[in-house]
Amino acid sequence: MAEQVRHICGISGGKDSSALAVYLRHTVPDMEYFFCDTGAELPETYEYLTRLEVILGQPIVRLNSSRGFDHWFEVFRGALPSPQMRWCTKNMKIKPIEDWIGDAPAVSYVAIRADESNRKGYISTKPNIETRFPFVEDGVDHDGVMRILDDAGIGLPAYYEWRTRSGCYFCFYQRKAEWVGLADRHPELFERAVAIEQKVLRDAGIDGEADFTDRAMRGRPYTWSGGETLLQLHSRRDQILEKHEAAMTRAQQTKVNRPLIKVLSETLDEDDDTLPCTVCAL
């Protein structure tokens, strides 16, 4: 007797994966929804997942809740994750997913949109996992995603007022203006990120901001946000926000009547055009 194929859909807490979950809830009735919980998500993310479970009519399985960032931070001897060493994605996202799936045949549905089909989401190398891209297959773009969420009555997570990506509150892919947004809206989380960073600096033998600046000039930053510490970044808060507001104005004037999220995304892209890991940020 052939082994039953599992159908799985990962939810990051972002708009695209949430829209895909809603989009598939009637066409794939045996779908299993999951969320990789690092224990370091924004409060808005957890609140949104609870609302999404009501729309889906079933629970979203939480993975990795017992081994969060602090555990792996210790395992990697206090080294911050970075674009060059994404141990957070590997150990808190991909490994828990593949352990949860096991060796059973499975179809993984990934929320890459039709207007970004050049991007890559989570694609397992395990032979038992097949990957599908329903939005690409059906031509669902950004506007289509927004319609799905609006029609379902759930809308966007509240963090989209100041942030364009889901993921940990201290994600190193955040832009400068998003770090400022975190400090303004969740000062306690910003302080935790500062504390982690300061520990890394102390363990690296860096004494004070002046010493860090000297080390950074020689290519050893050791920080969440490239080229400066979070304390240095926050000291430039007004300058960062002024630049951000000017970019927002330019983006809005280019094309009128555009949703805030599009304007915000394009504005932040002026500051940093790096793409996050789509396992975390879809």
Foldseek 3Di string as FASTA:
>chain_A
DAFDAAEEQEDQLFLQSLLVLLVCLVVCVRYAYEYQCQVQWDPLSVVLQVVSCVLSVHHHHYWPPVPHDVNVCVVVPLADADPVRNVCCVPRFVVRVCVVVDQAAYEYEARDALVRVVDDADDDPRPRYHYDYVRNVVVQHPVNSQVSCVVSVSGGRPLLVFFNWTDGLLALPDFLSSLLVCCVPPVVSNVVLLVSQVVQCVVVVQDDQVSLQVVVVVPDNSESYPPHHSVVSVVCSVVVVVLLVVQLVVLCVVDPPDDPSVSNVVSRCVRPVDDDHNSNTD
